Amino acid sequence: MRYFTFFVVLGVLGCCFFAKKIVAQDSIRTISPTNSYVYRLISKVNSTDYQINVALPKDYNENDSIRYPVVYFLDGNIWFPLAVAEYNTMNKAGALQPLIIVAIGYQVPDFTYDIVHRTRDYTPSVMSEADSSMSKLYNCVVKSGGADSFLDVIENEIIPFVDKKFKTNTNKSLTGHSLGGLFATYALVKRPDLFQQYFIFSPSLWWDNDYMFQFLGKELPVSKNKKLVAHFAIGANETKRMVGDLKEFLRRFRKANSKAIETDYLKVCESDHFTALPTFVSFLFLHFTIRIEAD
């Protein structure tokens, strides 16, 4: 027993010794996804300084004729590292379609929410009570209700920028979570033809006394012969209102749009608003699986 104790103490001391040597080194470097790029886009629509992160397929070649689907992520500072890492992990055996991943963020560090700009951009109406509450909580001036302008930014500035710079095809998807999910829902009902797929995760449909429900009850104006799909998902352990609102919204949405828009729904067991995030990303990329015919 004494020998065992001696070796445990020696091991701990050795770990401490080597740990100190490692920490003292100056070889620390930033690791970023391969074949990825960062751009700065200052909007002429709302004067906002956006950060656009782009990850290209590993075999992307400017000189060939291959064009790729694009998946756009809101809250790009949060979602870009997560999405690229999960896509690369899931695609180790080459089972996923090559995609261009585009993350729309702001001039803040990775894994950081820009409360001021996301609240303005992702909300379809002014909610003074929420503005006041968040302004006090985050010690900054928060103003909601800029979703229409942000839709213009995406349609008239960001998508054209990406289409001009990269070899994209017409298959475009929009992904949003929480307030981002609220915005993705708003984009779906206001400009359904802007994207071919909408991935709407844990949408904040409670916003402004269920503001989004006013758009239900009539069929959306979707172009003929266009396949449009809306994917909804939520964590099973989210608040009863979040889960209930999405269930009721989807029921009424399907009733009015079952002919023009295909929908699916995922409830992630034992997961809340944030622990469901990795599953949401997997759920998204599984819709880009390459279907191989069995022998």
C-alpha atoms as a PDB file:
ATOM      1  CA  MET A   1       0.000   0.000   0.000  1.00  0.00           C
ATOM      2  CA  ARG A   2       2.888   2.328   0.790  1.00  0.00           C
ATOM      3  CA  TYR A   3       4.425   1.634  -2.615  1.00  0.00           C
ATOM      4  CA  PHE A   4       1.102   2.364  -4.263  1.00  0.00           C
ATOM      5  CA  THR A   5       0.781   5.667  -2.411  1.00  0.00           C
ATOM      6  CA  PHE A   6       4.358   6.558  -3.312  1.00  0.00           C
ATOM      7  CA  PHE A   7       3.790   5.989  -7.021  1.00  0.00           C
ATOM      8  CA  VAL A   8       0.521   7.941  -6.986  1.00  0.00           C
ATOM      9  CA  VAL A   9       2.274  10.925  -5.363  1.00  0.00           C
ATOM     10  CA  LEU A  10       5.206  10.578  -7.736  1.00  0.00           C
ATOM     11  CA  GLY A  11       2.825  10.447 -10.692  1.00  0.00           C
ATOM     12  CA  VAL A  12       1.002  13.574  -9.575  1.00  0.00           C
ATOM     13  CA  LEU A  13       4.281  15.432  -9.048  1.00  0.00           C
ATOM     14  CA  GLY A  14       5.500  14.252 -12.434  1.00  0.00           C
ATOM     15  CA  CYS A  15       2.329  15.438 -14.128  1.00  0.00           C
ATOM     16  CA  CYS A  16       2.663  18.802 -12.428  1.00  0.00           C
ATOM     17  CA  PHE A  17       6.294  19.035 -13.519  1.00  0.00           C
ATOM     18  CA  PHE A  18       5.600  18.230 -17.152  1.00  0.00           C
ATOM     19  CA  ALA A  19       2.466  20.377 -17.181  1.00  0.00           C
ATOM     20  CA  LYS A  20       4.520  23.368 -16.104  1.00  0.00           C
ATOM     21  CA  LYS A  21       7.006  22.703 -18.894  1.00  0.00           C
ATOM     22  CA  ILE A  22       4.228  22.512 -21.491  1.00  0.00           C
ATOM     23  CA  VAL A  23       2.468  25.667 -20.305  1.00  0.00           C
ATOM     24  CA  ALA A  24       5.754  27.560 -20.496  1.00  0.00           C
ATOM     25  CA  GLN A  25       6.098  26.964 -24.236  1.00  0.00           C
ATOM     26  CA  ASP A  26       5.267  29.724 -26.765  1.00  0.00           C
ATOM     27  CA  SER A  27       4.064  27.392 -29.522  1.00  0.00           C
ATOM     28  CA  ILE A  28       0.350  28.026 -28.974  1.00  0.00           C
ATOM     29  CA  ARG A  29      -1.498  28.576 -32.273  1.00  0.00           C
ATOM     30  CA  THR A  30      -5.066  29.079 -33.413  1.00  0.00           C
ATOM     31  CA  ILE A  31      -6.684  26.070 -35.060  1.00  0.00           C
ATOM     32  CA  SER A  32      -9.395  26.758 -37.636  1.00  0.00           C
ATOM     33  CA  PRO A  33     -11.252  24.492 -40.074  1.00  0.00           C
ATOM     34  CA  THR A  34      -9.338  23.757 -43.277  1.00  0.00           C
ATOM     35  CA  ASN A  35     -10.579  25.318 -46.500  1.00  0.00           C
ATOM     36  CA  SER A  36     -12.452  28.012 -44.565  1.00  0.00           C
ATOM     37  CA  TYR A  37     -12.497  31.773 -45.019  1.00  0.00           C
ATOM     38  CA  VAL A  38     -13.684  34.860 -43.162  1.00  0.00           C
ATOM     39  CA  TYR A  39     -15.129  37.943 -44.856  1.00  0.00           C
ATOM     40  CA  ARG A  40     -16.321  41.303 -43.654  1.00  0.00           C
ATOM     41  CA  LEU A  41     -19.532  42.637 -45.179  1.00  0.00           C
ATOM     42  CA  ILE A  42     -20.759  46.092 -44.210  1.00  0.00           C
ATOM     43  CA  SER A  43     -24.392  46.289 -45.228  1.00  0.00           C
ATOM     44  CA  LYS A  44     -25.750  49.187 -47.241  1.00  0.00           C
ATOM     45  CA  VAL A  45     -29.237  48.219 -46.077  1.00  0.00           C
ATOM     46  CA  ASN A  46     -28.833  48.538 -42.296  1.00  0.00           C
ATOM     47  CA  SER A  47     -25.178  49.693 -41.937  1.00  0.00           C
ATOM     48  CA  THR A  48     -24.275  46.615 -39.874  1.00  0.00           C
ATOM     49  CA  ASP A  49     -20.775  45.119 -39.927  1.00  0.00           C
ATOM     50  CA  TYR A  50     -21.316  41.398 -40.567  1.00  0.00           C
ATOM     51  CA  GLN A  51     -18.792  38.585 -40.358  1.00  0.00           C
ATOM     52  CA  ILE A  52     -19.313  35.920 -43.022  1.00  0.00           C
ATOM     53  CA  ASN A  53     -17.565  32.590 -42.403  1.00  0.00           C
ATOM     54  CA  VAL A  54     -17.391  30.161 -45.312  1.00  0.00           C
ATOM     55  CA  ALA A  55     -16.265  26.529 -45.339  1.00  0.00           C
ATOM     56  CA  LEU A  56     -15.792  24.861 -48.727  1.00  0.00           C
ATOM     57  CA  PRO A  57     -15.866  21.155 -49.626  1.00  0.00           C
ATOM     58  CA  LYS A  58     -12.444  19.518 -49.384  1.00  0.00           C
ATOM     59  CA  ASP A  59     -12.355  18.840 -53.145  1.00  0.00           C
ATOM     60  CA  TYR A  60     -13.571  22.304 -54.141  1.00  0.00           C
ATOM     61  CA  ASN A  61     -11.831  23.333 -57.350  1.00  0.00           C
ATOM     62  CA  GLU A  62     -12.279  26.668 -59.116  1.00  0.00           C
ATOM     63  CA  ASN A  63     -11.496  25.058 -62.456  1.00  0.00           C
ATOM     64  CA  ASP A  64     -14.118  22.316 -62.596  1.00  0.00           C
ATOM     65  CA  SER A  65     -17.832  22.638 -63.347  1.00  0.00           C
ATOM     66  CA  ILE A  66     -19.208  21.262 -60.071  1.00  0.00           C
ATOM     67  CA  ARG A  67     -21.585  23.556 -58.194  1.00  0.00           C
ATOM     68  CA  TYR A  68     -22.644  23.016 -54.578  1.00  0.00           C
ATOM     69  CA  PRO A  69     -25.626  23.437 -52.239  1.00  0.00           C
ATOM     70  CA  VAL A  70     -25.267  26.138 -49.600  1.00  0.00           C
ATOM     71  CA  VAL A  71     -26.387  25.941 -45.969  1.00  0.00           C
ATOM     72  CA  TYR A  72     -26.671  29.337 -44.261  1.00  0.00           C
ATOM     73  CA  PHE A  73     -26.434  29.479 -40.465  1.00  0.00           C
ATOM     74  CA  LEU A  74     -27.622  32.379 -38.330  1.00  0.00           C
ATOM     75  CA  ASP A  75     -25.699  33.205 -35.129  1.00  0.00           C
ATOM     76  CA  GLY A  76     -22.627  32.376 -37.168  1.00  0.00           C
ATOM     77  CA  ASN A  77     -20.120  33.034 -34.383  1.00  0.00           C
ATOM     78  CA  ILE A  78     -21.702  30.198 -32.415  1.00  0.00           C
ATOM     79  CA  TRP A  79     -22.720  27.817 -35.178  1.00  0.00           C
ATOM     80  CA  PHE A  80     -19.792  27.900 -37.609  1.00  0.00           C
ATOM     81  CA  PRO A  81     -17.256  26.017 -35.418  1.00  0.00           C
ATOM     82  CA  LEU A  82     -19.918  23.522 -34.311  1.00  0.00           C
ATOM     83  CA  ALA A  83     -21.346  22.926 -37.783  1.00  0.00           C
ATOM     84  CA  VAL A  84     -18.015  22.487 -39.569  1.00  0.00           C
ATOM     85  CA  ALA A  85     -16.659  20.142 -36.895  1.00  0.00           C
ATOM     86  CA  GLU A  86     -19.799  18.005 -36.907  1.00  0.00           C
ATOM     87  CA  TYR A  87     -20.020  17.886 -40.704  1.00  0.00           C
ATOM     88  CA  ASN A  88     -16.393  16.765 -40.994  1.00  0.00           C
ATOM     89  CA  THR A  89     -16.878  14.121 -38.307  1.00  0.00           C
ATOM     90  CA  MET A  90     -20.082  12.745 -39.836  1.00  0.00           C
ATOM     91  CA  ASN A  91     -18.516  12.709 -43.277  1.00  0.00           C
ATOM     92  CA  LYS A  92     -15.455  10.570 -42.463  1.00  0.00           C
ATOM     93  CA  ALA A  93     -16.764   7.825 -44.742  1.00  0.00           C
ATOM     94  CA  GLY A  94     -17.945  10.243 -47.426  1.00  0.00           C
ATOM     95  CA  ALA A  95     -21.649   9.673 -46.758  1.00  0.00           C
ATOM     96  CA  LEU A  96     -22.658  13.341 -46.951  1.00  0.00           C
ATOM     97  CA  GLN A  97     -23.072  15.569 -49.967  1.00  0.00           C
ATOM     98  CA  PRO A  98     -20.325  18.153 -50.446  1.00  0.00           C
ATOM     99  CA  LEU A  99     -21.694  21.455 -49.141  1.00  0.00           C
ATOM    100  CA  ILE A 100     -20.721  25.078 -48.818  1.00  0.00           C
ATOM    101  CA  ILE A 101     -21.335  26.158 -45.224  1.00  0.00           C
ATOM    102  CA  VAL A 102     -21.947  29.884 -44.714  1.00  0.00           C
ATOM    103  CA  ALA A 103     -22.301  31.384 -41.240  1.00  0.00           C
ATOM    104  CA  ILE A 104     -23.726  34.877 -40.838  1.00  0.00           C
ATOM    105  CA  GLY A 105     -22.294  36.471 -37.712  1.00  0.00           C
ATOM    106  CA  TYR A 106     -21.066  39.733 -36.303  1.00  0.00           C
ATOM    107  CA  GLN A 107     -17.772  41.287 -35.262  1.00  0.00           C
ATOM    108  CA  VAL A 108     -17.559  39.385 -31.970  1.00  0.00           C
ATOM    109  CA  PRO A 109     -15.404  36.394 -30.900  1.00  0.00           C
ATOM    110  CA  ASP A 110     -16.309  32.789 -31.712  1.00  0.00           C
ATOM    111  CA  PHE A 111     -18.911  31.188 -29.423  1.00  0.00           C
ATOM    112  CA  THR A 112     -20.285  34.634 -28.565  1.00  0.00           C
ATOM    113  CA  TYR A 113     -23.779  36.026 -29.121  1.00  0.00           C
ATOM    114  CA  ASP A 114     -24.077  39.624 -30.292  1.00  0.00           C
ATOM    115  CA  ILE A 115     -27.144  40.464 -28.199  1.00  0.00           C
ATOM    116  CA  VAL A 116     -27.734  43.924 -29.695  1.00  0.00           C
ATOM    117  CA  HIS A 117     -27.588  43.002 -33.372  1.00  0.00           C
ATOM    118  CA  ARG A 118     -29.164  39.540 -33.233  1.00  0.00           C
ATOM    119  CA  THR A 119     -32.132  40.858 -31.257  1.00  0.00           C
ATOM    120  CA  ARG A 120     -32.698  43.582 -33.832  1.00  0.00           C
ATOM    121  CA  ASP A 121     -32.104  41.374 -36.886  1.00  0.00           C
ATOM    122  CA  TYR A 122     -34.002  38.267 -35.808  1.00  0.00           C
ATOM    123  CA  THR A 123     -37.218  39.805 -34.466  1.00  0.00           C
ATOM    124  CA  PRO A 124     -40.171  40.654 -36.748  1.00  0.00           C
ATOM    125  CA  SER A 125     -41.798  43.212 -34.448  1.00  0.00           C
ATOM    126  CA  VAL A 126     -40.919  45.723 -31.749  1.00  0.00           C
ATOM    127  CA  MET A 127     -41.402  44.301 -28.253  1.00  0.00           C
ATOM    128  CA  SER A 128     -40.658  47.155 -25.865  1.00  0.00           C
ATOM    129  CA  GLU A 129     -40.892  45.014 -22.734  1.00  0.00           C
ATOM    130  CA  ALA A 130     -38.237  42.621 -24.022  1.00  0.00           C
ATOM    131  CA  ASP A 131     -36.039  45.509 -25.192  1.00  0.00           C
ATOM    132  CA  SER A 132     -36.128  47.102 -21.750  1.00  0.00           C
ATOM    133  CA  SER A 133     -35.461  43.828 -19.957  1.00  0.00           C
ATOM    134  CA  MET A 134     -32.494  42.873 -22.145  1.00  0.00           C
ATOM    135  CA  SER A 135     -31.057  46.393 -22.058  1.00  0.00           C
ATOM    136  CA  LYS A 136     -30.924  46.220 -18.269  1.00  0.00           C
ATOM    137  CA  LEU A 137     -29.662  42.631 -18.190  1.00  0.00           C
ATOM    138  CA  TYR A 138     -26.817  43.170 -20.663  1.00  0.00           C
ATOM    139  CA  ASN A 139     -26.147  46.842 -19.855  1.00  0.00           C
ATOM    140  CA  CYS A 140     -26.577  47.990 -23.459  1.00  0.00           C
ATOM    141  CA  VAL A 141     -29.277  49.457 -25.686  1.00  0.00           C
ATOM    142  CA  VAL A 142     -31.352  46.694 -27.284  1.00  0.00           C
ATOM    143  CA  LYS A 143     -33.967  47.463 -29.934  1.00  0.00           C
ATOM    144  CA  SER A 144     -36.041  44.808 -31.662  1.00  0.00           C
ATOM    145  CA  GLY A 145     -38.040  44.701 -34.890  1.00  0.00           C
ATOM    146  CA  GLY A 146     -35.447  44.650 -37.702  1.00  0.00           C
ATOM    147  CA  ALA A 147     -36.267  41.333 -39.380  1.00  0.00           C
ATOM    148  CA  ASP A 148     -37.557  42.864 -42.617  1.00  0.00           C
ATOM    149  CA  SER A 149     -34.343  44.828 -43.113  1.00  0.00           C
ATOM    150  CA  PHE A 150     -32.263  41.747 -42.306  1.00  0.00           C
ATOM    151  CA  LEU A 151     -34.220  39.736 -44.870  1.00  0.00           C
ATOM    152  CA  ASP A 152     -33.243  42.388 -47.408  1.00  0.00           C
ATOM    153  CA  VAL A 153     -29.605  42.077 -46.307  1.00  0.00           C
ATOM    154  CA  ILE A 154     -29.674  38.322 -46.856  1.00  0.00           C
ATOM    155  CA  GLU A 155     -31.531  38.419 -50.171  1.00  0.00           C
ATOM    156  CA  ASN A 156     -29.842  41.426 -51.750  1.00  0.00           C
ATOM    157  CA  GLU A 157     -26.346  41.409 -50.250  1.00  0.00           C
ATOM    158  CA  ILE A 158     -25.227  38.183 -48.571  1.00  0.00           C
ATOM    159  CA  ILE A 159     -26.621  35.606 -51.022  1.00  0.00           C
ATOM    160  CA  PRO A 160     -25.392  37.559 -54.091  1.00  0.00           C
ATOM    161  CA  PHE A 161     -21.958  37.918 -52.451  1.00  0.00           C
ATOM    162  CA  VAL A 162     -21.713  34.159 -51.861  1.00  0.00           C
ATOM    163  CA  ASP A 163     -23.116  33.254 -55.293  1.00  0.00           C
ATOM    164  CA  LYS A 164     -20.652  35.550 -57.040  1.00  0.00           C
ATOM    165  CA  LYS A 165     -17.606  34.390 -55.108  1.00  0.00           C
ATOM    166  CA  PHE A 166     -18.270  30.645 -55.002  1.00  0.00           C
ATOM    167  CA  LYS A 167     -19.667  27.906 -57.225  1.00  0.00           C
ATOM    168  CA  THR A 168     -23.130  27.535 -55.749  1.00  0.00           C
ATOM    169  CA  ASN A 169     -26.244  25.900 -57.124  1.00  0.00           C
ATOM    170  CA  THR A 170     -29.893  26.766 -56.509  1.00  0.00           C
ATOM    171  CA  ASN A 171     -30.237  24.526 -53.432  1.00  0.00           C
ATOM    172  CA  LYS A 172     -30.036  26.951 -50.511  1.00  0.00           C
ATOM    173  CA  SER A 173     -30.989  26.301 -46.887  1.00  0.00           C
ATOM    174  CA  LEU A 174     -31.473  28.608 -43.903  1.00  0.00           C
ATOM    175  CA  THR A 175     -30.802  27.460 -40.345  1.00  0.00           C
ATOM    176  CA  GLY A 176     -31.743  29.288 -37.155  1.00  0.00           C
ATOM    177  CA  HIS A 177     -32.029  28.477 -33.454  1.00  0.00           C
ATOM    178  CA  SER A 178     -34.002  30.277 -30.728  1.00  0.00           C
ATOM    179  CA  LEU A 179     -34.403  33.890 -31.911  1.00  0.00           C
ATOM    180  CA  GLY A 180     -32.653  32.670 -35.046  1.00  0.00           C
ATOM    181  CA  GLY A 181     -35.392  30.053 -35.326  1.00  0.00           C
ATOM    182  CA  LEU A 182     -37.963  32.821 -34.981  1.00  0.00           C
ATOM    183  CA  PHE A 183     -36.317  34.664 -37.870  1.00  0.00           C
ATOM    184  CA  ALA A 184     -36.111  31.503 -40.001  1.00  0.00           C
ATOM    185  CA  THR A 185     -39.841  30.999 -39.423  1.00  0.00           C
ATOM    186  CA  TYR A 186     -40.484  34.613 -40.423  1.00  0.00           C
ATOM    187  CA  ALA A 187     -38.406  34.190 -43.585  1.00  0.00           C
ATOM    188  CA  LEU A 188     -40.399  31.049 -44.394  1.00  0.00           C
ATOM    189  CA  VAL A 189     -43.780  32.771 -44.198  1.00  0.00           C
ATOM    190  CA  LYS A 190     -42.716  36.097 -45.740  1.00  0.00           C
ATOM    191  CA  ARG A 191     -40.377  34.981 -48.552  1.00  0.00           C
ATOM    192  CA  PRO A 192     -40.753  31.213 -48.867  1.00  0.00           C
ATOM    193  CA  ASP A 193     -39.015  31.053 -52.258  1.00  0.00           C
ATOM    194  CA  LEU A 194     -35.801  32.579 -50.923  1.00  0.00           C
ATOM    195  CA  PHE A 195     -34.582  29.154 -49.714  1.00  0.00           C
ATOM    196  CA  GLN A 196     -35.356  25.567 -50.651  1.00  0.00           C
ATOM    197  CA  GLN A 197     -35.035  24.232 -47.092  1.00  0.00           C
ATOM    198  CA  TYR A 198     -35.622  25.821 -43.713  1.00  0.00           C
ATOM    199  CA  PHE A 199     -34.137  24.251 -40.572  1.00  0.00           C
ATOM    200  CA  ILE A 200     -36.016  25.807 -37.659  1.00  0.00           C
ATOM    201  CA  PHE A 201     -34.682  24.795 -34.250  1.00  0.00           C
ATOM    202  CA  SER A 202     -36.326  25.741 -30.926  1.00  0.00           C
ATOM    203  CA  PRO A 203     -37.944  28.855 -32.406  1.00  0.00           C
ATOM    204  CA  SER A 204     -38.920  31.643 -30.001  1.00  0.00           C
ATOM    205  CA  LEU A 205     -42.538  31.647 -31.157  1.00  0.00           C
ATOM    206  CA  TRP A 206     -43.548  33.249 -27.847  1.00  0.00           C
ATOM    207  CA  TRP A 207     -42.142  36.533 -29.167  1.00  0.00           C
ATOM    208  CA  ASP A 208     -44.550  39.486 -28.904  1.00  0.00           C
ATOM    209  CA  ASN A 209     -47.544  37.436 -27.756  1.00  0.00           C
ATOM    210  CA  ASP A 210     -47.191  34.762 -30.428  1.00  0.00           C
ATOM    211  CA  TYR A 211     -46.730  37.312 -33.201  1.00  0.00           C
ATOM    212  CA  MET A 212     -45.973  34.639 -35.814  1.00  0.00           C
ATOM    213  CA  PHE A 213     -49.360  32.947 -35.468  1.00  0.00           C
ATOM    214  CA  GLN A 214     -51.038  35.766 -37.389  1.00  0.00           C
ATOM    215  CA  PHE A 215     -49.449  34.421 -40.594  1.00  0.00           C
ATOM    216  CA  LEU A 216     -51.172  31.052 -40.310  1.00  0.00           C
ATOM    217  CA  GLY A 217     -54.482  30.109 -41.852  1.00  0.00           C
ATOM    218  CA  LYS A 218     -53.726  30.646 -45.524  1.00  0.00           C
ATOM    219  CA  GLU A 219     -51.447  28.942 -48.014  1.00  0.00           C
ATOM    220  CA  LEU A 220     -48.067  30.568 -48.595  1.00  0.00           C
ATOM    221  CA  PRO A 221     -47.226  31.862 -52.090  1.00  0.00           C
ATOM    222  CA  VAL A 222     -44.760  29.190 -53.205  1.00  0.00           C
ATOM    223  CA  SER A 223     -43.702  29.043 -56.856  1.00  0.00           C
ATOM    224  CA  LYS A 224     -45.202  26.195 -58.861  1.00  0.00           C
ATOM    225  CA  ASN A 225     -43.074  23.077 -59.364  1.00  0.00           C
ATOM    226  CA  LYS A 226     -40.739  24.139 -56.572  1.00  0.00           C
ATOM    227  CA  LYS A 227     -39.974  21.656 -53.803  1.00  0.00           C
ATOM    228  CA  LEU A 228     -39.798  23.418 -50.463  1.00  0.00           C
ATOM    229  CA  VAL A 229     -39.168  21.689 -47.129  1.00  0.00           C
ATOM    230  CA  ALA A 230     -39.416  23.062 -43.577  1.00  0.00           C
ATOM    231  CA  HIS A 231     -37.699  21.044 -40.840  1.00  0.00           C
ATOM    232  CA  PHE A 232     -38.697  21.794 -37.232  1.00  0.00           C
ATOM    233  CA  ALA A 233     -36.978  20.513 -34.081  1.00  0.00           C
ATOM    234  CA  ILE A 234     -37.014  21.174 -30.346  1.00  0.00           C
ATOM    235  CA  GLY A 235     -35.632  19.732 -27.111  1.00  0.00           C
ATOM    236  CA  ALA A 236     -38.106  17.643 -25.120  1.00  0.00           C
ATOM    237  CA  ASN A 237     -37.041  19.359 -21.877  1.00  0.00           C
ATOM    238  CA  GLU A 238     -37.583  22.907 -23.089  1.00  0.00           C
ATOM    239  CA  THR A 239     -40.328  24.978 -21.468  1.00  0.00           C
ATOM    240  CA  LYS A 240     -43.910  23.847 -21.898  1.00  0.00           C
ATOM    241  CA  ARG A 241     -44.673  27.048 -23.766  1.00  0.00           C
ATOM    242  CA  MET A 242     -41.794  26.543 -26.233  1.00  0.00           C
ATOM    243  CA  VAL A 243     -42.816  22.944 -26.942  1.00  0.00           C
ATOM    244  CA  GLY A 244     -46.549  23.737 -26.998  1.00  0.00           C
ATOM    245  CA  ASP A 245     -46.168  26.766 -29.265  1.00  0.00           C
ATOM    246  CA  LEU A 246     -44.156  24.834 -31.827  1.00  0.00           C
ATOM    247  CA  LYS A 247     -46.588  21.911 -31.792  1.00  0.00           C
ATOM    248  CA  GLU A 248     -49.587  24.196 -32.343  1.00  0.00           C
ATOM    249  CA  PHE A 249     -47.799  26.326 -34.930  1.00  0.00           C
ATOM    250  CA  LEU A 250     -46.780  23.251 -36.907  1.00  0.00           C
ATOM    251  CA  ARG A 251     -50.299  21.785 -36.739  1.00  0.00           C
ATOM    252  CA  ARG A 252     -51.837  24.927 -38.186  1.00  0.00           C
ATOM    253  CA  PHE A 253     -49.009  25.445 -40.651  1.00  0.00           C
ATOM    254  CA  ARG A 254     -49.431  21.941 -42.060  1.00  0.00           C
ATOM    255  CA  LYS A 255     -53.179  22.382 -42.363  1.00  0.00           C
ATOM    256  CA  ALA A 256     -52.739  25.400 -44.642  1.00  0.00           C
ATOM    257  CA  ASN A 257     -49.596  24.384 -46.535  1.00  0.00           C
ATOM    258  CA  SER A 258     -49.537  20.600 -46.852  1.00  0.00           C
ATOM    259  CA  LYS A 259     -49.693  20.745 -50.667  1.00  0.00           C
ATOM    260  CA  ALA A 260     -46.934  23.297 -51.243  1.00  0.00           C
ATOM    261  CA  ILE A 261     -44.509  22.668 -48.393  1.00  0.00           C
ATOM    262  CA  GLU A 262     -43.228  19.393 -46.966  1.00  0.00           C
ATOM    263  CA  THR A 263     -42.540  19.406 -43.225  1.00  0.00           C
ATOM    264  CA  ASP A 264     -40.929  17.165 -40.636  1.00  0.00           C
ATOM    265  CA  TYR A 265     -40.540  17.397 -36.882  1.00  0.00           C
ATOM    266  CA  LEU A 266     -37.982  16.168 -34.352  1.00  0.00           C
ATOM    267  CA  LYS A 267     -38.233  16.234 -30.560  1.00  0.00           C
ATOM    268  CA  VAL A 268     -34.869  15.509 -28.940  1.00  0.00           C
ATOM    269  CA  CYS A 269     -35.315  13.381 -25.821  1.00  0.00           C
ATOM    270  CA  GLU A 270     -33.644  14.386 -22.535  1.00  0.00           C
ATOM    271  CA  SER A 271     -32.437  17.663 -24.075  1.00  0.00           C
ATOM    272  CA  ASP A 272     -33.069  21.315 -23.345  1.00  0.00           C
ATOM    273  CA  HIS A 273     -32.680  24.524 -25.352  1.00  0.00           C
ATOM    274  CA  PHE A 274     -28.906  24.161 -25.605  1.00  0.00           C
ATOM    275  CA  THR A 275     -28.002  20.506 -25.006  1.00  0.00           C
ATOM    276  CA  ALA A 276     -30.039  19.656 -28.111  1.00  0.00           C
ATOM    277  CA  LEU A 277     -27.740  21.702 -30.369  1.00  0.00           C
ATOM    278  CA  PRO A 278     -25.401  18.866 -31.496  1.00  0.00           C
ATOM    279  CA  THR A 279     -28.412  16.689 -32.329  1.00  0.00           C
ATOM    280  CA  PHE A 280     -29.970  19.541 -34.300  1.00  0.00           C
ATOM    281  CA  VAL A 281     -26.817  19.813 -36.408  1.00  0.00           C
ATOM    282  CA  SER A 282     -26.742  16.049 -37.011  1.00  0.00           C
ATOM    283  CA  PHE A 283     -30.435  16.173 -37.939  1.00  0.00           C
ATOM    284  CA  LEU A 284     -29.643  18.871 -40.497  1.00  0.00           C
ATOM    285  CA  PHE A 285     -26.717  17.130 -42.163  1.00  0.00           C
ATOM    286  CA  LEU A 286     -28.543  13.801 -42.344  1.00  0.00           C
ATOM    287  CA  HIS A 287     -30.819  15.489 -44.867  1.00  0.00           C
ATOM    288  CA  PHE A 288     -27.789  15.755 -47.141  1.00  0.00           C
ATOM    289  CA  THR A 289     -26.887  12.062 -46.990  1.00  0.00           C
ATOM    290  CA  ILE A 290     -25.834  10.515 -50.287  1.00  0.00           C
ATOM    291  CA  ARG A 291     -28.279   7.735 -51.038  1.00  0.00           C
ATOM    292  CA  ILE A 292     -26.395   4.710 -52.360  1.00  0.00           C
ATOM    293  CA  GLU A 293     -28.366   1.901 -54.011  1.00  0.00           C
ATOM    294  CA  ALA A 294     -27.826  -1.519 -52.449  1.00  0.00           C
ATOM    295  CA  ASP A 295     -26.245  -4.244 -54.611  1.00  0.00           C
END
